[in-house]
Amino acid sequence: MSDAGIREATILGQGIGMAMRGLRPIAEIQYLDYIMYALQIMSDDLATLLYRTKGRQKAPLIIRTRGHRLEGIRHSVHKWVGF
């Protein structure tokens, strides 16, 4: 178990690094609507790793998220407005 920074890029970057070293990490993005900040890393780095290394390097990474109602936009509002 490892804690990462709050940015989605950091969460995936650490997950990819751990997976490349033989671990089986589960990277968790708190809300589904935050996944768009990680899409470029998933498509450019994680999805093409096997091809770019000619099959020599794998990164078995599970990316987990929850929430399907676009709750992330109100995530910090509840703390400040008092809902």
PDB file of N, CA and C in Angstrom:
ATOM      1  N   MET A   1       0.842  -1.174   0.000  1.00  0.00           N
ATOM      2  CA  MET A   1       0.000   0.000   0.000  1.00  0.00           C
ATOM      3  C   MET A   1       0.888   1.239   0.000  1.00  0.00           C
ATOM      4  N   SER A   2       0.559   2.175  -0.857  1.00  0.00           N
ATOM      5  CA  SER A   2       1.331   3.399  -0.968  1.00  0.00           C
ATOM      6  C   SER A   2       0.385   4.561  -1.209  1.00  0.00           C
ATOM      7  N   ASP A   3       0.572   5.631  -0.484  1.00  0.00           N
ATOM      8  CA  ASP A   3      -0.215   6.827  -0.722  1.00  0.00           C
ATOM      9  C   ASP A   3       0.463   7.659  -1.793  1.00  0.00           C
ATOM     10  N   ALA A   4      -0.340   8.289  -2.619  1.00  0.00           N
ATOM     11  CA  ALA A   4       0.186   9.129  -3.692  1.00  0.00           C
ATOM     12  C   ALA A   4      -0.369  10.533  -3.531  1.00  0.00           C
ATOM     13  N   GLY A   5       0.158  11.437  -4.307  1.00  0.00           N
ATOM     14  CA  GLY A   5      -0.346  12.793  -4.303  1.00  0.00           C
ATOM     15  C   GLY A   5      -1.769  12.845  -4.814  1.00  0.00           C
ATOM     16  N   ILE A   6      -2.379  13.984  -4.720  1.00  0.00           N
ATOM     17  CA  ILE A   6      -3.786  14.113  -5.070  1.00  0.00           C
ATOM     18  C   ILE A   6      -4.014  14.196  -6.575  1.00  0.00           C
ATOM     19  N   ARG A   7      -3.000  14.449  -7.357  1.00  0.00           N
ATOM     20  CA  ARG A   7      -3.169  14.555  -8.807  1.00  0.00           C
ATOM     21  C   ARG A   7      -3.278  13.175  -9.433  1.00  0.00           C
ATOM     22  N   GLU A   8      -4.150  13.069 -10.400  1.00  0.00           N
ATOM     23  CA  GLU A   8      -4.366  11.803 -11.078  1.00  0.00           C
ATOM     24  C   GLU A   8      -3.110  11.347 -11.817  1.00  0.00           C
ATOM     25  N   ALA A   9      -2.337  12.281 -12.333  1.00  0.00           N
ATOM     26  CA  ALA A   9      -1.084  11.935 -13.008  1.00  0.00           C
ATOM     27  C   ALA A   9      -0.118  11.256 -12.044  1.00  0.00           C
ATOM     28  N   THR A  10      -0.067  11.725 -10.830  1.00  0.00           N
ATOM     29  CA  THR A  10       0.808  11.127  -9.825  1.00  0.00           C
ATOM     30  C   THR A  10       0.331   9.739  -9.442  1.00  0.00           C
ATOM     31  N   ILE A  11      -0.966   9.588  -9.272  1.00  0.00           N
ATOM     32  CA  ILE A  11      -1.531   8.292  -8.892  1.00  0.00           C
ATOM     33  C   ILE A  11      -1.217   7.246  -9.960  1.00  0.00           C
ATOM     34  N   LEU A  12      -1.457   7.581 -11.223  1.00  0.00           N
ATOM     35  CA  LEU A  12      -1.174   6.626 -12.297  1.00  0.00           C
ATOM     36  C   LEU A  12       0.311   6.421 -12.515  1.00  0.00           C
ATOM     37  N   GLY A  13       1.080   7.480 -12.412  1.00  0.00           N
ATOM     38  CA  GLY A  13       2.531   7.356 -12.584  1.00  0.00           C
ATOM     39  C   GLY A  13       3.148   6.415 -11.566  1.00  0.00           C
ATOM     40  N   GLN A  14       2.738   6.549 -10.315  1.00  0.00           N
ATOM     41  CA  GLN A  14       3.254   5.634  -9.298  1.00  0.00           C
ATOM     42  C   GLN A  14       2.750   4.214  -9.522  1.00  0.00           C
ATOM     43  N   GLY A  15       1.494   4.091  -9.951  1.00  0.00           N
ATOM     44  CA  GLY A  15       0.954   2.762 -10.237  1.00  0.00           C
ATOM     45  C   GLY A  15       1.682   2.079 -11.375  1.00  0.00           C
ATOM     46  N   ILE A  16       1.960   2.809 -12.441  1.00  0.00           N
ATOM     47  CA  ILE A  16       2.690   2.248 -13.577  1.00  0.00           C
ATOM     48  C   ILE A  16       4.098   1.839 -13.148  1.00  0.00           C
ATOM     49  N   GLY A  17       4.761   2.689 -12.392  1.00  0.00           N
ATOM     50  CA  GLY A  17       6.103   2.359 -11.914  1.00  0.00           C
ATOM     51  C   GLY A  17       6.135   1.123 -11.037  1.00  0.00           C
ATOM     52  N   MET A  18       5.151   1.005 -10.146  1.00  0.00           N
ATOM     53  CA  MET A  18       5.082  -0.179  -9.282  1.00  0.00           C
ATOM     54  C   MET A  18       4.787  -1.437 -10.105  1.00  0.00           C
ATOM     55  N   ALA A  19       3.898  -1.312 -11.101  1.00  0.00           N
ATOM     56  CA  ALA A  19       3.565  -2.465 -11.939  1.00  0.00           C
ATOM     57  C   ALA A  19       4.763  -2.907 -12.779  1.00  0.00           C
ATOM     58  N   MET A  20       5.546  -1.958 -13.257  1.00  0.00           N
ATOM     59  CA  MET A  20       6.725  -2.300 -14.049  1.00  0.00           C
ATOM     60  C   MET A  20       7.785  -3.008 -13.212  1.00  0.00           C
ATOM     61  N   ARG A  21       7.728  -2.837 -11.919  1.00  0.00           N
ATOM     62  CA  ARG A  21       8.689  -3.486 -11.032  1.00  0.00           C
ATOM     63  C   ARG A  21       8.181  -4.812 -10.480  1.00  0.00           C
ATOM     64  N   GLY A  22       7.035  -5.287 -11.008  1.00  0.00           N
ATOM     65  CA  GLY A  22       6.561  -6.611 -10.643  1.00  0.00           C
ATOM     66  C   GLY A  22       5.462  -6.642  -9.603  1.00  0.00           C
ATOM     67  N   LEU A  23       5.066  -5.506  -9.081  1.00  0.00           N
ATOM     68  CA  LEU A  23       3.970  -5.486  -8.119  1.00  0.00           C
ATOM     69  C   LEU A  23       2.643  -5.500  -8.864  1.00  0.00           C
ATOM     70  N   ARG A  24       1.558  -5.674  -8.158  1.00  0.00           N
ATOM     71  CA  ARG A  24       0.214  -5.673  -8.746  1.00  0.00           C
ATOM     72  C   ARG A  24      -0.617  -4.564  -8.105  1.00  0.00           C
ATOM     73  N   PRO A  25      -0.323  -3.315  -8.441  1.00  0.00           N
ATOM     74  CA  PRO A  25      -1.002  -2.194  -7.775  1.00  0.00           C
ATOM     75  C   PRO A  25      -2.428  -1.972  -8.276  1.00  0.00           C
ATOM     76  N   ILE A  26      -3.214  -1.339  -7.429  1.00  0.00           N
ATOM     77  CA  ILE A  26      -4.553  -0.882  -7.786  1.00  0.00           C
ATOM     78  C   ILE A  26      -4.553   0.620  -7.574  1.00  0.00           C
ATOM     79  N   ALA A  27      -4.599   1.365  -8.661  1.00  0.00           N
ATOM     80  CA  ALA A  27      -4.635   2.827  -8.575  1.00  0.00           C
ATOM     81  C   ALA A  27      -6.090   3.252  -8.462  1.00  0.00           C
ATOM     82  N   GLU A  28      -6.406   4.032  -7.448  1.00  0.00           N
ATOM     83  CA  GLU A  28      -7.795   4.432  -7.231  1.00  0.00           C
ATOM     84  C   GLU A  28      -7.958   5.927  -7.463  1.00  0.00           C
ATOM     85  N   ILE A  29      -8.812   6.257  -8.421  1.00  0.00           N
ATOM     86  CA  ILE A  29      -9.211   7.636  -8.678  1.00  0.00           C
ATOM     87  C   ILE A  29     -10.525   7.829  -7.930  1.00  0.00           C
ATOM     88  N   GLN A  30     -10.615   8.841  -7.095  1.00  0.00           N
ATOM     89  CA  GLN A  30     -11.740   8.945  -6.172  1.00  0.00           C
ATOM     90  C   GLN A  30     -13.096   9.030  -6.864  1.00  0.00           C
ATOM     91  N   TYR A  31     -13.219   9.841  -7.887  1.00  0.00           N
ATOM     92  CA  TYR A  31     -14.487   9.983  -8.585  1.00  0.00           C
ATOM     93  C   TYR A  31     -14.304   9.720 -10.070  1.00  0.00           C
ATOM     94  N   LEU A  32     -15.330   9.156 -10.687  1.00  0.00           N
ATOM     95  CA  LEU A  32     -15.268   8.803 -12.099  1.00  0.00           C
ATOM     96  C   LEU A  32     -15.016  10.017 -12.991  1.00  0.00           C
ATOM     97  N   ASP A  33     -15.556  11.181 -12.623  1.00  0.00           N
ATOM     98  CA  ASP A  33     -15.367  12.347 -13.489  1.00  0.00           C
ATOM     99  C   ASP A  33     -13.948  12.903 -13.427  1.00  0.00           C
ATOM    100  N   TYR A  34     -13.107  12.426 -12.527  1.00  0.00           N
ATOM    101  CA  TYR A  34     -11.696  12.825 -12.505  1.00  0.00           C
ATOM    102  C   TYR A  34     -10.845  11.975 -13.436  1.00  0.00           C
ATOM    103  N   ILE A  35     -11.426  10.918 -13.996  1.00  0.00           N
ATOM    104  CA  ILE A  35     -10.662  10.017 -14.854  1.00  0.00           C
ATOM    105  C   ILE A  35     -10.182  10.711 -16.126  1.00  0.00           C
ATOM    106  N   MET A  36     -10.861  11.779 -16.532  1.00  0.00           N
ATOM    107  CA  MET A  36     -10.444  12.474 -17.758  1.00  0.00           C
ATOM    108  C   MET A  36      -9.059  13.097 -17.616  1.00  0.00           C
ATOM    109  N   TYR A  37      -8.645  13.388 -16.382  1.00  0.00           N
ATOM    110  CA  TYR A  37      -7.304  13.929 -16.179  1.00  0.00           C
ATOM    111  C   TYR A  37      -6.228  12.856 -16.294  1.00  0.00           C
ATOM    112  N   ALA A  38      -6.637  11.594 -16.347  1.00  0.00           N
ATOM    113  CA  ALA A  38      -5.693  10.490 -16.455  1.00  0.00           C
ATOM    114  C   ALA A  38      -5.752   9.793 -17.804  1.00  0.00           C
ATOM    115  N   LEU A  39      -6.675  10.185 -18.669  1.00  0.00           N
ATOM    116  CA  LEU A  39      -6.837   9.488 -19.945  1.00  0.00           C
ATOM    117  C   LEU A  39      -5.592   9.531 -20.830  1.00  0.00           C
ATOM    118  N   GLN A  40      -4.918  10.659 -20.879  1.00  0.00           N
ATOM    119  CA  GLN A  40      -3.730  10.749 -21.721  1.00  0.00           C
ATOM    120  C   GLN A  40      -2.626   9.814 -21.226  1.00  0.00           C
ATOM    121  N   ILE A  41      -2.452   9.721 -19.935  1.00  0.00           N
ATOM    122  CA  ILE A  41      -1.433   8.830 -19.377  1.00  0.00           C
ATOM    123  C   ILE A  41      -1.804   7.371 -19.640  1.00  0.00           C
ATOM    124  N   MET A  42      -3.091   7.055 -19.514  1.00  0.00           N
ATOM    125  CA  MET A  42      -3.527   5.681 -19.769  1.00  0.00           C
ATOM    126  C   MET A  42      -3.334   5.304 -21.230  1.00  0.00           C
ATOM    127  N   SER A  43      -3.653   6.218 -22.153  1.00  0.00           N
ATOM    128  CA  SER A  43      -3.556   5.869 -23.571  1.00  0.00           C
ATOM    129  C   SER A  43      -2.135   5.999 -24.113  1.00  0.00           C
ATOM    130  N   ASP A  44      -1.399   7.010 -23.709  1.00  0.00           N
ATOM    131  CA  ASP A  44      -0.057   7.228 -24.257  1.00  0.00           C
ATOM    132  C   ASP A  44       1.017   6.394 -23.574  1.00  0.00           C
ATOM    133  N   ASP A  45       0.923   6.219 -22.286  1.00  0.00           N
ATOM    134  CA  ASP A  45       1.990   5.535 -21.554  1.00  0.00           C
ATOM    135  C   ASP A  45       1.653   4.084 -21.228  1.00  0.00           C
ATOM    136  N   LEU A  46       0.556   3.874 -20.536  1.00  0.00           N
ATOM    137  CA  LEU A  46       0.227   2.531 -20.067  1.00  0.00           C
ATOM    138  C   LEU A  46      -0.178   1.596 -21.208  1.00  0.00           C
ATOM    139  N   ALA A  47      -1.055   2.045 -22.088  1.00  0.00           N
ATOM    140  CA  ALA A  47      -1.571   1.169 -23.137  1.00  0.00           C
ATOM    141  C   ALA A  47      -0.528   0.818 -24.196  1.00  0.00           C
ATOM    142  N   THR A  48       0.479   1.635 -24.375  1.00  0.00           N
ATOM    143  CA  THR A  48       1.468   1.374 -25.423  1.00  0.00           C
ATOM    144  C   THR A  48       2.787   0.823 -24.882  1.00  0.00           C
ATOM    145  N   LEU A  49       2.872   0.576 -23.601  1.00  0.00           N
ATOM    146  CA  LEU A  49       4.131   0.129 -22.989  1.00  0.00           C
ATOM    147  C   LEU A  49       4.622  -1.187 -23.588  1.00  0.00           C
ATOM    148  N   LEU A  50       3.748  -2.152 -23.722  1.00  0.00           N
ATOM    149  CA  LEU A  50       4.148  -3.451 -24.264  1.00  0.00           C
ATOM    150  C   LEU A  50       4.665  -3.318 -25.698  1.00  0.00           C
ATOM    151  N   TYR A  51       3.995  -2.496 -26.496  1.00  0.00           N
ATOM    152  CA  TYR A  51       4.419  -2.274 -27.887  1.00  0.00           C
ATOM    153  C   TYR A  51       5.751  -1.530 -27.944  1.00  0.00           C
ATOM    154  N   ARG A  52       5.883  -0.477 -27.136  1.00  0.00           N
ATOM    155  CA  ARG A  52       7.105   0.334 -27.191  1.00  0.00           C
ATOM    156  C   ARG A  52       8.339  -0.409 -26.712  1.00  0.00           C
ATOM    157  N   THR A  53       8.153  -1.432 -25.868  1.00  0.00           N
ATOM    158  CA  THR A  53       9.297  -2.204 -25.381  1.00  0.00           C
ATOM    159  C   THR A  53       9.445  -3.533 -26.117  1.00  0.00           C
ATOM    160  N   LYS A  54       8.721  -3.679 -27.225  1.00  0.00           N
ATOM    161  CA  LYS A  54       8.766  -4.900 -28.042  1.00  0.00           C
ATOM    162  C   LYS A  54       8.447  -6.147 -27.217  1.00  0.00           C
ATOM    163  N   GLY A  55       7.490  -6.017 -26.320  1.00  0.00           N
ATOM    164  CA  GLY A  55       7.022  -7.139 -25.527  1.00  0.00           C
ATOM    165  C   GLY A  55       7.868  -7.492 -24.324  1.00  0.00           C
ATOM    166  N   ARG A  56       8.882  -6.707 -24.026  1.00  0.00           N
ATOM    167  CA  ARG A  56       9.785  -7.033 -22.918  1.00  0.00           C
ATOM    168  C   ARG A  56       9.325  -6.500 -21.568  1.00  0.00           C
ATOM    169  N   GLN A  57       8.444  -5.521 -21.562  1.00  0.00           N
ATOM    170  CA  GLN A  57       8.026  -4.905 -20.299  1.00  0.00           C
ATOM    171  C   GLN A  57       6.507  -4.899 -20.212  1.00  0.00           C
ATOM    172  N   LYS A  58       5.976  -5.362 -19.082  1.00  0.00           N
ATOM    173  CA  LYS A  58       4.545  -5.347 -18.830  1.00  0.00           C
ATOM    174  C   LYS A  58       4.269  -4.471 -17.614  1.00  0.00           C
ATOM    175  N   ALA A  59       3.059  -3.981 -17.544  1.00  0.00           N
ATOM    176  CA  ALA A  59       2.637  -3.188 -16.388  1.00  0.00           C
ATOM    177  C   ALA A  59       1.191  -3.546 -16.061  1.00  0.00           C
ATOM    178  N   PRO A  60       0.985  -4.643 -15.328  1.00  0.00           N
ATOM    179  CA  PRO A  60      -0.383  -5.044 -14.976  1.00  0.00           C
ATOM    180  C   PRO A  60      -0.956  -4.128 -13.887  1.00  0.00           C
ATOM    181  N   LEU A  61      -1.720  -3.154 -14.298  1.00  0.00           N
ATOM    182  CA  LEU A  61      -2.244  -2.136 -13.379  1.00  0.00           C
ATOM    183  C   LEU A  61      -3.765  -2.127 -13.445  1.00  0.00           C
ATOM    184  N   ILE A  62      -4.391  -2.153 -12.291  1.00  0.00           N
ATOM    185  CA  ILE A  62      -5.840  -1.997 -12.197  1.00  0.00           C
ATOM    186  C   ILE A  62      -6.122  -0.554 -11.820  1.00  0.00           C
ATOM    187  N   ILE A  63      -6.998   0.102 -12.563  1.00  0.00           N
ATOM    188  CA  ILE A  63      -7.404   1.472 -12.257  1.00  0.00           C
ATOM    189  C   ILE A  63      -8.852   1.411 -11.802  1.00  0.00           C
ATOM    190  N   ARG A  64      -9.062   1.784 -10.560  1.00  0.00           N
ATOM    191  CA  ARG A  64     -10.376   1.664  -9.955  1.00  0.00           C
ATOM    192  C   ARG A  64     -10.950   3.049  -9.686  1.00  0.00           C
ATOM    193  N   THR A  65     -12.232   3.197  -9.880  1.00  0.00           N
ATOM    194  CA  THR A  65     -12.904   4.445  -9.567  1.00  0.00           C
ATOM    195  C   THR A  65     -14.326   4.131  -9.128  1.00  0.00           C
ATOM    196  N   ARG A  66     -15.002   5.109  -8.623  1.00  0.00           N
ATOM    197  CA  ARG A  66     -16.384   4.900  -8.203  1.00  0.00           C
ATOM    198  C   ARG A  66     -17.171   6.171  -8.485  1.00  0.00           C
ATOM    199  N   GLY A  67     -18.446   6.066  -8.368  1.00  0.00           N
ATOM    200  CA  GLY A  67     -19.292   7.227  -8.593  1.00  0.00           C
ATOM    201  C   GLY A  67     -19.630   7.367 -10.055  1.00  0.00           C
ATOM    202  N   HIS A  68     -20.874   7.486 -10.347  1.00  0.00           N
ATOM    203  CA  HIS A  68     -21.307   7.614 -11.727  1.00  0.00           C
ATOM    204  C   HIS A  68     -22.235   8.799 -11.907  1.00  0.00           C
ATOM    205  N   ARG A  69     -22.305   9.669 -10.903  1.00  0.00           N
ATOM    206  CA  ARG A  69     -23.243  10.788 -10.968  1.00  0.00           C
ATOM    207  C   ARG A  69     -22.534  12.132 -11.038  1.00  0.00           C
ATOM    208  N   LEU A  70     -21.313  12.157 -11.485  1.00  0.00           N
ATOM    209  CA  LEU A  70     -20.519  13.386 -11.552  1.00  0.00           C
ATOM    210  C   LEU A  70     -20.498  14.101 -10.209  1.00  0.00           C
ATOM    211  N   GLU A  71     -20.090  13.365  -9.187  1.00  0.00           N
ATOM    212  CA  GLU A  71     -20.045  13.897  -7.827  1.00  0.00           C
ATOM    213  C   GLU A  71     -18.791  14.709  -7.553  1.00  0.00           C
ATOM    214  N   GLY A  72     -17.764  14.543  -8.345  1.00  0.00           N
ATOM    215  CA  GLY A  72     -16.493  15.207  -8.095  1.00  0.00           C
ATOM    216  C   GLY A  72     -16.569  16.718  -8.147  1.00  0.00           C
ATOM    217  N   ILE A  73     -17.458  17.239  -8.961  1.00  0.00           N
ATOM    218  CA  ILE A  73     -17.552  18.696  -9.092  1.00  0.00           C
ATOM    219  C   ILE A  73     -18.019  19.347  -7.793  1.00  0.00           C
ATOM    220  N   ARG A  74     -18.762  18.610  -6.980  1.00  0.00           N
ATOM    221  CA  ARG A  74     -19.232  19.147  -5.704  1.00  0.00           C
ATOM    222  C   ARG A  74     -18.400  18.654  -4.526  1.00  0.00           C
ATOM    223  N   HIS A  75     -17.297  17.996  -4.792  1.00  0.00           N
ATOM    224  CA  HIS A  75     -16.492  17.394  -3.742  1.00  0.00           C
ATOM    225  C   HIS A  75     -16.046  18.406  -2.692  1.00  0.00           C
ATOM    226  N   SER A  76     -15.477  19.518  -3.105  1.00  0.00           N
ATOM    227  CA  SER A  76     -14.974  20.498  -2.139  1.00  0.00           C
ATOM    228  C   SER A  76     -16.030  21.512  -1.733  1.00  0.00           C
ATOM    229  N   VAL A  77     -17.123  21.603  -2.464  1.00  0.00           N
ATOM    230  CA  VAL A  77     -18.173  22.576  -2.134  1.00  0.00           C
ATOM    231  C   VAL A  77     -18.816  22.233  -0.815  1.00  0.00           C
ATOM    232  N   HIS A  78     -19.002  20.963  -0.531  1.00  0.00           N
ATOM    233  CA  HIS A  78     -19.669  20.556   0.694  1.00  0.00           C
ATOM    234  C   HIS A  78     -18.916  21.009   1.941  1.00  0.00           C
ATOM    235  N   LYS A  79     -17.610  21.042   1.861  1.00  0.00           N
ATOM    236  CA  LYS A  79     -16.817  21.472   3.018  1.00  0.00           C
ATOM    237  C   LYS A  79     -16.986  22.955   3.287  1.00  0.00           C
ATOM    238  N   TRP A  80     -17.083  23.753   2.251  1.00  0.00           N
ATOM    239  CA  TRP A  80     -17.081  25.199   2.429  1.00  0.00           C
ATOM    240  C   TRP A  80     -18.464  25.801   2.607  1.00  0.00           C
ATOM    241  N   VAL A  81     -19.467  25.191   2.000  1.00  0.00           N
ATOM    242  CA  VAL A  81     -20.813  25.759   2.068  1.00  0.00           C
ATOM    243  C   VAL A  81     -21.574  25.199   3.259  1.00  0.00           C
ATOM    244  N   GLY A  82     -21.158  24.052   3.744  1.00  0.00           N
ATOM    245  CA  GLY A  82     -21.784  23.470   4.920  1.00  0.00           C
ATOM    246  C   GLY A  82     -22.935  22.536   4.620  1.00  0.00           C
ATOM    247  N   PHE A  83     -22.927  21.891   3.467  1.00  0.00           N
ATOM    248  CA  PHE A  83     -23.987  20.942   3.126  1.00  0.00           C
ATOM    249  C   PHE A  83     -23.838  19.673   3.926  1.00  0.00           C
TER     250      PHE A  83
END
